[in-house]
Amino acid sequence: MMKNKIKYLLIASVLIVVSASMILAIGVLPLPIILIFLLLSISGLSFGASRVSRDIIVKNATPTGQIGVVFGFSGLARCSSGRRS
């Protein structure tokens, strides 16, 4: 189980570093507009993909039956249903 946690943490970390490096490159280097769009796309895809691994890490760290409380799903469902507590 520990190997899986380390694997997901490594994946999330690498993807976030890739995303950050793309943003840094856009800010530091003089790039043509098409390359800026390409780097922004890669950055967004890698950051979005990192969220999956992050969610799995959080899921594995939460007590059984408490995942909705940790992610805030219970409050979100209450607000979106139109009911007030």
PDB file of N, CA and C in Angstrom:
ATOM      1  N   MET A   1       0.826  -1.191   0.000  1.00  0.00           N
ATOM      2  CA  MET A   1       0.000   0.000   0.000  1.00  0.00           C
ATOM      3  C   MET A   1       0.873   1.259   0.000  1.00  0.00           C
ATOM      4  N   MET A   2       1.979   1.214   0.711  1.00  0.00           N
ATOM      5  CA  MET A   2       2.865   2.376   0.782  1.00  0.00           C
ATOM      6  C   MET A   2       3.476   2.677  -0.589  1.00  0.00           C
ATOM      7  N   LYS A   3       3.750   1.613  -1.380  1.00  0.00           N
ATOM      8  CA  LYS A   3       4.304   1.817  -2.714  1.00  0.00           C
ATOM      9  C   LYS A   3       3.330   2.609  -3.591  1.00  0.00           C
ATOM     10  N   ASN A   4       2.041   2.307  -3.465  1.00  0.00           N
ATOM     11  CA  ASN A   4       1.040   3.031  -4.255  1.00  0.00           C
ATOM     12  C   ASN A   4       0.980   4.492  -3.865  1.00  0.00           C
ATOM     13  N   LYS A   5       1.044   4.781  -2.562  1.00  0.00           N
ATOM     14  CA  LYS A   5       1.007   6.171  -2.107  1.00  0.00           C
ATOM     15  C   LYS A   5       2.198   6.946  -2.643  1.00  0.00           C
ATOM     16  N   ILE A   6       3.364   6.325  -2.612  1.00  0.00           N
ATOM     17  CA  ILE A   6       4.565   6.979  -3.123  1.00  0.00           C
ATOM     18  C   ILE A   6       4.460   7.181  -4.626  1.00  0.00           C
ATOM     19  N   LYS A   7       3.906   6.192  -5.329  1.00  0.00           N
ATOM     20  CA  LYS A   7       3.741   6.306  -6.778  1.00  0.00           C
ATOM     21  C   LYS A   7       2.808   7.467  -7.129  1.00  0.00           C
ATOM     22  N   TYR A   8       1.672   7.569  -6.449  1.00  0.00           N
ATOM     23  CA  TYR A   8       0.734   8.653  -6.733  1.00  0.00           C
ATOM     24  C   TYR A   8       1.322  10.011  -6.360  1.00  0.00           C
ATOM     25  N   LEU A   9       2.065  10.057  -5.269  1.00  0.00           N
ATOM     26  CA  LEU A   9       2.706  11.305  -4.857  1.00  0.00           C
ATOM     27  C   LEU A   9       3.749  11.732  -5.878  1.00  0.00           C
ATOM     28  N   LEU A  10       4.504  10.776  -6.393  1.00  0.00           N
ATOM     29  CA  LEU A  10       5.517  11.073  -7.405  1.00  0.00           C
ATOM     30  C   LEU A  10       4.863  11.565  -8.697  1.00  0.00           C
ATOM     31  N   ILE A  11       3.793  10.910  -9.118  1.00  0.00           N
ATOM     32  CA  ILE A  11       3.094  11.328 -10.334  1.00  0.00           C
ATOM     33  C   ILE A  11       2.552  12.747 -10.178  1.00  0.00           C
ATOM     34  N   ALA A  12       1.894  13.012  -9.060  1.00  0.00           N
ATOM     35  CA  ALA A  12       1.334  14.344  -8.830  1.00  0.00           C
ATOM     36  C   ALA A  12       2.441  15.395  -8.800  1.00  0.00           C
ATOM     37  N   SER A  13       3.540  15.091  -8.137  1.00  0.00           N
ATOM     38  CA  SER A  13       4.646  16.047  -8.038  1.00  0.00           C
ATOM     39  C   SER A  13       5.257  16.353  -9.401  1.00  0.00           C
ATOM     40  N   VAL A  14       5.495  15.329 -10.186  1.00  0.00           N
ATOM     41  CA  VAL A  14       6.101  15.530 -11.509  1.00  0.00           C
ATOM     42  C   VAL A  14       5.181  16.352 -12.409  1.00  0.00           C
ATOM     43  N   LEU A  15       3.893  16.033 -12.389  1.00  0.00           N
ATOM     44  CA  LEU A  15       2.957  16.772 -13.238  1.00  0.00           C
ATOM     45  C   LEU A  15       2.831  18.237 -12.826  1.00  0.00           C
ATOM     46  N   ILE A  16       2.872  18.509 -11.537  1.00  0.00           N
ATOM     47  CA  ILE A  16       2.804  19.899 -11.078  1.00  0.00           C
ATOM     48  C   ILE A  16       4.078  20.650 -11.454  1.00  0.00           C
ATOM     49  N   VAL A  17       5.222  19.992 -11.369  1.00  0.00           N
ATOM     50  CA  VAL A  17       6.485  20.627 -11.779  1.00  0.00           C
ATOM     51  C   VAL A  17       6.478  20.910 -13.277  1.00  0.00           C
ATOM     52  N   VAL A  18       5.953  19.982 -14.074  1.00  0.00           N
ATOM     53  CA  VAL A  18       5.850  20.211 -15.519  1.00  0.00           C
ATOM     54  C   VAL A  18       4.962  21.426 -15.790  1.00  0.00           C
ATOM     55  N   SER A  19       3.828  21.483 -15.112  1.00  0.00           N
ATOM     56  CA  SER A  19       2.914  22.605 -15.286  1.00  0.00           C
ATOM     57  C   SER A  19       3.581  23.925 -14.909  1.00  0.00           C
ATOM     58  N   ALA A  20       4.244  23.947 -13.778  1.00  0.00           N
ATOM     59  CA  ALA A  20       4.906  25.171 -13.318  1.00  0.00           C
ATOM     60  C   ALA A  20       6.033  25.587 -14.261  1.00  0.00           C
ATOM     61  N   SER A  21       6.773  24.630 -14.780  1.00  0.00           N
ATOM     62  CA  SER A  21       7.877  24.974 -15.684  1.00  0.00           C
ATOM     63  C   SER A  21       7.359  25.556 -16.997  1.00  0.00           C
ATOM     64  N   MET A  22       6.215  25.079 -17.462  1.00  0.00           N
ATOM     65  CA  MET A  22       5.619  25.658 -18.679  1.00  0.00           C
ATOM     66  C   MET A  22       5.216  27.114 -18.439  1.00  0.00           C
ATOM     67  N   ILE A  23       4.603  27.382 -17.306  1.00  0.00           N
ATOM     68  CA  ILE A  23       4.201  28.752 -16.967  1.00  0.00           C
ATOM     69  C   ILE A  23       5.432  29.644 -16.805  1.00  0.00           C
ATOM     70  N   LEU A  24       6.463  29.118 -16.165  1.00  0.00           N
ATOM     71  CA  LEU A  24       7.702  29.876 -16.001  1.00  0.00           C
ATOM     72  C   LEU A  24       8.328  30.200 -17.351  1.00  0.00           C
ATOM     73  N   ALA A  25       8.336  29.230 -18.251  1.00  0.00           N
ATOM     74  CA  ALA A  25       8.907  29.458 -19.578  1.00  0.00           C
ATOM     75  C   ALA A  25       8.156  30.558 -20.323  1.00  0.00           C
ATOM     76  N   ILE A  26       6.834  30.582 -20.165  1.00  0.00           N
ATOM     77  CA  ILE A  26       6.035  31.628 -20.822  1.00  0.00           C
ATOM     78  C   ILE A  26       6.394  33.004 -20.266  1.00  0.00           C
ATOM     79  N   GLY A  27       6.622  33.078 -18.969  1.00  0.00           N
ATOM     80  CA  GLY A  27       6.937  34.357 -18.349  1.00  0.00           C
ATOM     81  C   GLY A  27       8.349  34.844 -18.601  1.00  0.00           C
ATOM     82  N   VAL A  28       9.278  33.941 -18.834  1.00  0.00           N
ATOM     83  CA  VAL A  28      10.687  34.317 -18.933  1.00  0.00           C
ATOM     84  C   VAL A  28      11.175  34.429 -20.375  1.00  0.00           C
ATOM     85  N   LEU A  29      10.712  33.566 -21.243  1.00  0.00           N
ATOM     86  CA  LEU A  29      11.226  33.517 -22.609  1.00  0.00           C
ATOM     87  C   LEU A  29      10.358  34.307 -23.581  1.00  0.00           C
ATOM     88  N   PRO A  30      10.987  34.960 -24.544  1.00  0.00           N
ATOM     89  CA  PRO A  30      10.196  35.604 -25.604  1.00  0.00           C
ATOM     90  C   PRO A  30       9.744  34.531 -26.607  1.00  0.00           C
ATOM     91  N   LEU A  31       8.472  34.214 -26.593  1.00  0.00           N
ATOM     92  CA  LEU A  31       7.956  33.116 -27.402  1.00  0.00           C
ATOM     93  C   LEU A  31       6.899  33.608 -28.380  1.00  0.00           C
ATOM     94  N   PRO A  32       6.801  32.941 -29.532  1.00  0.00           N
ATOM     95  CA  PRO A  32       5.712  33.273 -30.448  1.00  0.00           C
ATOM     96  C   PRO A  32       4.365  32.842 -29.843  1.00  0.00           C
ATOM     97  N   ILE A  33       3.310  33.480 -30.267  1.00  0.00           N
ATOM     98  CA  ILE A  33       1.998  33.273 -29.673  1.00  0.00           C
ATOM     99  C   ILE A  33       1.533  31.820 -29.784  1.00  0.00           C
ATOM    100  N   ILE A  34       1.835  31.160 -30.875  1.00  0.00           N
ATOM    101  CA  ILE A  34       1.397  29.765 -31.052  1.00  0.00           C
ATOM    102  C   ILE A  34       2.077  28.857 -30.025  1.00  0.00           C
ATOM    103  N   LEU A  35       3.343  29.142 -29.730  1.00  0.00           N
ATOM    104  CA  LEU A  35       4.064  28.358 -28.730  1.00  0.00           C
ATOM    105  C   LEU A  35       3.519  28.636 -27.323  1.00  0.00           C
ATOM    106  N   ILE A  36       3.099  29.857 -27.072  1.00  0.00           N
ATOM    107  CA  ILE A  36       2.488  30.191 -25.782  1.00  0.00           C
ATOM    108  C   ILE A  36       1.207  29.393 -25.591  1.00  0.00           C
ATOM    109  N   PHE A  37       0.376  29.332 -26.633  1.00  0.00           N
ATOM    110  CA  PHE A  37      -0.849  28.535 -26.543  1.00  0.00           C
ATOM    111  C   PHE A  37      -0.545  27.052 -26.317  1.00  0.00           C
ATOM    112  N   LEU A  38       0.483  26.550 -26.990  1.00  0.00           N
ATOM    113  CA  LEU A  38       0.869  25.152 -26.829  1.00  0.00           C
ATOM    114  C   LEU A  38       1.350  24.881 -25.400  1.00  0.00           C
ATOM    115  N   LEU A  39       2.187  25.760 -24.865  1.00  0.00           N
ATOM    116  CA  LEU A  39       2.688  25.583 -23.504  1.00  0.00           C
ATOM    117  C   LEU A  39       1.571  25.721 -22.471  1.00  0.00           C
ATOM    118  N   LEU A  40       0.638  26.633 -22.693  1.00  0.00           N
ATOM    119  CA  LEU A  40      -0.506  26.757 -21.786  1.00  0.00           C
ATOM    120  C   LEU A  40      -1.371  25.497 -21.817  1.00  0.00           C
ATOM    121  N   SER A  41      -1.526  24.915 -23.006  1.00  0.00           N
ATOM    122  CA  SER A  41      -2.304  23.681 -23.118  1.00  0.00           C
ATOM    123  C   SER A  41      -1.625  22.529 -22.379  1.00  0.00           C
ATOM    124  N   ILE A  42      -0.331  22.399 -22.560  1.00  0.00           N
ATOM    125  CA  ILE A  42       0.415  21.342 -21.868  1.00  0.00           C
ATOM    126  C   ILE A  42       0.364  21.565 -20.358  1.00  0.00           C
ATOM    127  N   SER A  43       0.496  22.815 -19.949  1.00  0.00           N
ATOM    128  CA  SER A  43       0.449  23.142 -18.525  1.00  0.00           C
ATOM    129  C   SER A  43      -0.914  22.786 -17.926  1.00  0.00           C
ATOM    130  N   GLY A  44      -1.966  23.150 -18.619  1.00  0.00           N
ATOM    131  CA  GLY A  44      -3.310  22.842 -18.126  1.00  0.00           C
ATOM    132  C   GLY A  44      -3.579  21.355 -18.072  1.00  0.00           C
ATOM    133  N   LEU A  45      -3.157  20.638 -19.089  1.00  0.00           N
ATOM    134  CA  LEU A  45      -3.355  19.183 -19.094  1.00  0.00           C
ATOM    135  C   LEU A  45      -2.578  18.504 -17.971  1.00  0.00           C
ATOM    136  N   SER A  46      -1.338  18.911 -17.774  1.00  0.00           N
ATOM    137  CA  SER A  46      -0.541  18.268 -16.729  1.00  0.00           C
ATOM    138  C   SER A  46      -1.055  18.622 -15.339  1.00  0.00           C
ATOM    139  N   PHE A  47      -1.501  19.856 -15.143  1.00  0.00           N
ATOM    140  CA  PHE A  47      -2.044  20.226 -13.838  1.00  0.00           C
ATOM    141  C   PHE A  47      -3.358  19.503 -13.582  1.00  0.00           C
ATOM    142  N   GLY A  48      -4.190  19.412 -14.593  1.00  0.00           N
ATOM    143  CA  GLY A  48      -5.450  18.677 -14.449  1.00  0.00           C
ATOM    144  C   GLY A  48      -5.230  17.203 -14.169  1.00  0.00           C
ATOM    145  N   ALA A  49      -4.256  16.609 -14.817  1.00  0.00           N
ATOM    146  CA  ALA A  49      -3.951  15.199 -14.574  1.00  0.00           C
ATOM    147  C   ALA A  49      -3.376  14.988 -13.177  1.00  0.00           C
ATOM    148  N   SER A  50      -2.701  15.985 -12.637  1.00  0.00           N
ATOM    149  CA  SER A  50      -2.127  15.847 -11.294  1.00  0.00           C
ATOM    150  C   SER A  50      -3.209  15.791 -10.224  1.00  0.00           C
ATOM    151  N   ARG A  51      -4.363  16.373 -10.491  1.00  0.00           N
ATOM    152  CA  ARG A  51      -5.448  16.382  -9.508  1.00  0.00           C
ATOM    153  C   ARG A  51      -5.974  14.983  -9.238  1.00  0.00           C
ATOM    154  N   VAL A  52      -5.937  14.117 -10.239  1.00  0.00           N
ATOM    155  CA  VAL A  52      -6.406  12.739 -10.047  1.00  0.00           C
ATOM    156  C   VAL A  52      -5.535  12.029  -9.014  1.00  0.00           C
ATOM    157  N   SER A  53      -4.228  12.132  -9.159  1.00  0.00           N
ATOM    158  CA  SER A  53      -3.327  11.502  -8.196  1.00  0.00           C
ATOM    159  C   SER A  53      -3.476  12.125  -6.817  1.00  0.00           C
ATOM    160  N   ARG A  54      -3.660  13.440  -6.775  1.00  0.00           N
ATOM    161  CA  ARG A  54      -3.851  14.116  -5.490  1.00  0.00           C
ATOM    162  C   ARG A  54      -5.120  13.624  -4.811  1.00  0.00           C
ATOM    163  N   ASP A  55      -6.178  13.446  -5.579  1.00  0.00           N
ATOM    164  CA  ASP A  55      -7.435  12.955  -5.014  1.00  0.00           C
ATOM    165  C   ASP A  55      -7.280  11.540  -4.464  1.00  0.00           C
ATOM    166  N   ILE A  56      -6.515  10.706  -5.150  1.00  0.00           N
ATOM    167  CA  ILE A  56      -6.283   9.341  -4.671  1.00  0.00           C
ATOM    168  C   ILE A  56      -5.471   9.366  -3.383  1.00  0.00           C
ATOM    169  N   ILE A  57      -4.493  10.261  -3.293  1.00  0.00           N
ATOM    170  CA  ILE A  57      -3.699  10.388  -2.068  1.00  0.00           C
ATOM    171  C   ILE A  57      -4.596  10.796  -0.906  1.00  0.00           C
ATOM    172  N   VAL A  58      -5.468  11.777  -1.118  1.00  0.00           N
ATOM    173  CA  VAL A  58      -6.367  12.225  -0.057  1.00  0.00           C
ATOM    174  C   VAL A  58      -7.353  11.114   0.312  1.00  0.00           C
ATOM    175  N   LYS A  59      -7.864  10.416  -0.687  1.00  0.00           N
ATOM    176  CA  LYS A  59      -8.810   9.319  -0.444  1.00  0.00           C
ATOM    177  C   LYS A  59      -8.172   8.238   0.424  1.00  0.00           C
ATOM    178  N   ASN A  60      -6.936   7.909   0.143  1.00  0.00           N
ATOM    179  CA  ASN A  60      -6.248   6.872   0.920  1.00  0.00           C
ATOM    180  C   ASN A  60      -5.944   7.330   2.343  1.00  0.00           C
ATOM    181  N   ALA A  61      -5.867   8.630   2.558  1.00  0.00           N
ATOM    182  CA  ALA A  61      -5.523   9.147   3.882  1.00  0.00           C
ATOM    183  C   ALA A  61      -6.743   9.377   4.766  1.00  0.00           C
ATOM    184  N   THR A  62      -7.946   9.353   4.200  1.00  0.00           N
ATOM    185  CA  THR A  62      -9.148   9.644   4.987  1.00  0.00           C
ATOM    186  C   THR A  62      -9.705   8.386   5.637  1.00  0.00           C
ATOM    187  N   PRO A  63     -10.379   8.552   6.777  1.00  0.00           N
ATOM    188  CA  PRO A  63     -11.028   7.406   7.414  1.00  0.00           C
ATOM    189  C   PRO A  63     -12.169   6.883   6.536  1.00  0.00           C
ATOM    190  N   THR A  64     -12.512   5.631   6.719  1.00  0.00           N
ATOM    191  CA  THR A  64     -13.578   5.006   5.941  1.00  0.00           C
ATOM    192  C   THR A  64     -14.891   5.749   6.145  1.00  0.00           C
ATOM    193  N   GLY A  65     -15.557   6.059   5.046  1.00  0.00           N
ATOM    194  CA  GLY A  65     -16.844   6.730   5.099  1.00  0.00           C
ATOM    195  C   GLY A  65     -16.783   8.236   5.268  1.00  0.00           C
ATOM    196  N   GLN A  66     -15.606   8.830   5.300  1.00  0.00           N
ATOM    197  CA  GLN A  66     -15.465  10.270   5.536  1.00  0.00           C
ATOM    198  C   GLN A  66     -14.984  11.041   4.310  1.00  0.00           C
ATOM    199  N   ILE A  67     -14.915  10.400   3.155  1.00  0.00           N
ATOM    200  CA  ILE A  67     -14.370  11.057   1.972  1.00  0.00           C
ATOM    201  C   ILE A  67     -15.202  12.269   1.564  1.00  0.00           C
ATOM    202  N   GLY A  68     -16.523  12.197   1.718  1.00  0.00           N
ATOM    203  CA  GLY A  68     -17.376  13.333   1.379  1.00  0.00           C
ATOM    204  C   GLY A  68     -17.141  14.524   2.285  1.00  0.00           C
ATOM    205  N   VAL A  69     -16.859  14.258   3.537  1.00  0.00           N
ATOM    206  CA  VAL A  69     -16.595  15.338   4.483  1.00  0.00           C
ATOM    207  C   VAL A  69     -15.261  16.004   4.157  1.00  0.00           C
ATOM    208  N   VAL A  70     -14.278  15.199   3.806  1.00  0.00           N
ATOM    209  CA  VAL A  70     -12.951  15.739   3.504  1.00  0.00           C
ATOM    210  C   VAL A  70     -12.996  16.603   2.245  1.00  0.00           C
ATOM    211  N   PHE A  71     -13.677  16.151   1.224  1.00  0.00           N
ATOM    212  CA  PHE A  71     -13.752  16.900  -0.026  1.00  0.00           C
ATOM    213  C   PHE A  71     -14.852  17.942  -0.018  1.00  0.00           C
ATOM    214  N   GLY A  72     -15.700  17.948   0.975  1.00  0.00           N
ATOM    215  CA  GLY A  72     -16.756  18.939   1.075  1.00  0.00           C
ATOM    216  C   GLY A  72     -17.975  18.638   0.236  1.00  0.00           C
ATOM    217  N   PHE A  73     -18.167  17.369  -0.137  1.00  0.00           N
ATOM    218  CA  PHE A  73     -19.305  17.020  -0.979  1.00  0.00           C
ATOM    219  C   PHE A  73     -20.634  17.196  -0.251  1.00  0.00           C
ATOM    220  N   SER A  74     -20.654  16.945   1.041  1.00  0.00           N
ATOM    221  CA  SER A  74     -21.920  17.030   1.759  1.00  0.00           C
ATOM    222  C   SER A  74     -22.446  18.460   1.768  1.00  0.00           C
ATOM    223  N   GLY A  75     -21.588  19.433   1.978  1.00  0.00           N
ATOM    224  CA  GLY A  75     -22.007  20.829   1.954  1.00  0.00           C
ATOM    225  C   GLY A  75     -22.380  21.280   0.561  1.00  0.00           C
ATOM    226  N   LEU A  76     -21.664  20.795  -0.434  1.00  0.00           N
ATOM    227  CA  LEU A  76     -21.952  21.151  -1.809  1.00  0.00           C
ATOM    228  C   LEU A  76     -23.315  20.606  -2.224  1.00  0.00           C
ATOM    229  N   ALA A  77     -23.621  19.369  -1.850  1.00  0.00           N
ATOM    230  CA  ALA A  77     -24.909  18.773  -2.205  1.00  0.00           C
ATOM    231  C   ALA A  77     -26.044  19.521  -1.526  1.00  0.00           C
ATOM    232  N   ARG A  78     -25.849  19.937  -0.303  1.00  0.00           N
ATOM    233  CA  ARG A  78     -26.884  20.658   0.431  1.00  0.00           C
ATOM    234  C   ARG A  78     -27.149  22.008  -0.228  1.00  0.00           C
ATOM    235  N   CYS A  79     -26.104  22.680  -0.676  1.00  0.00           N
ATOM    236  CA  CYS A  79     -26.280  23.994  -1.315  1.00  0.00           C
ATOM    237  C   CYS A  79     -26.921  23.872  -2.690  1.00  0.00           C
ATOM    238  N   SER A  80     -26.560  22.850  -3.444  1.00  0.00           N
ATOM    239  CA  SER A  80     -27.072  22.731  -4.801  1.00  0.00           C
ATOM    240  C   SER A  80     -28.501  22.192  -4.850  1.00  0.00           C
ATOM    241  N   SER A  81     -28.979  21.583  -3.771  1.00  0.00           N
ATOM    242  CA  SER A  81     -30.318  21.030  -3.796  1.00  0.00           C
ATOM    243  C   SER A  81     -31.383  22.083  -3.500  1.00  0.00           C
ATOM    244  N   GLY A  82     -30.974  23.254  -3.084  1.00  0.00           N
ATOM    245  CA  GLY A  82     -31.931  24.311  -2.796  1.00  0.00           C
ATOM    246  C   GLY A  82     -32.424  24.310  -1.362  1.00  0.00           C
ATOM    247  N   ARG A  83     -32.038  23.310  -0.587  1.00  0.00           N
ATOM    248  CA  ARG A  83     -32.443  23.258   0.822  1.00  0.00           C
ATOM    249  C   ARG A  83     -31.505  24.117   1.643  1.00  0.00           C
ATOM    250  N   ARG A  84     -32.026  24.685   2.681  1.00  0.00           N
ATOM    251  CA  ARG A  84     -31.187  25.449   3.607  1.00  0.00           C
ATOM    252  C   ARG A  84     -31.240  24.766   4.957  1.00  0.00           C
ATOM    253  N   SER A  85     -30.085  24.703   5.570  1.00  0.00           N
ATOM    254  CA  SER A  85     -30.053  24.041   6.895  1.00  0.00           C
ATOM    255  C   SER A  85     -30.051  25.017   8.021  1.00  0.00           C
TER     256      SER A  85
END
